[in-house]
Amino acid sequence: MSMTCDEFRDLLHDHHAGELVVEIKEKFEVHRTSCKHCGPLHETYTHTVRITAKLPKGGPLPPAAEARLREVLKDYLDK
């Protein structure tokens, strides 16, 4: 069974974290190399991960910013 683009996108993080089982990783790689949309997406994602990994680590958010962020994400965080 082949992988869809939606499935591919859902697995991007797990792929970069090295968390895919062999069977899924093989399907992921086949899709990556054969899909004209997901190949470039993977390249962009990989580049973004590399760049952001080099950024300096920040400290904790100011309390007001954290409160605002939690309010905006409340529905998502409650799941």
Foldseek 3Di string as FASTA:
>chain_A
DADDPVRLVVCLVCVVVVNDDPVVVVNNVVCLVPPPPNVVVSVVVVVVVVVVVPDDDDDDDDPVVVVVVCVVCVVVVVD
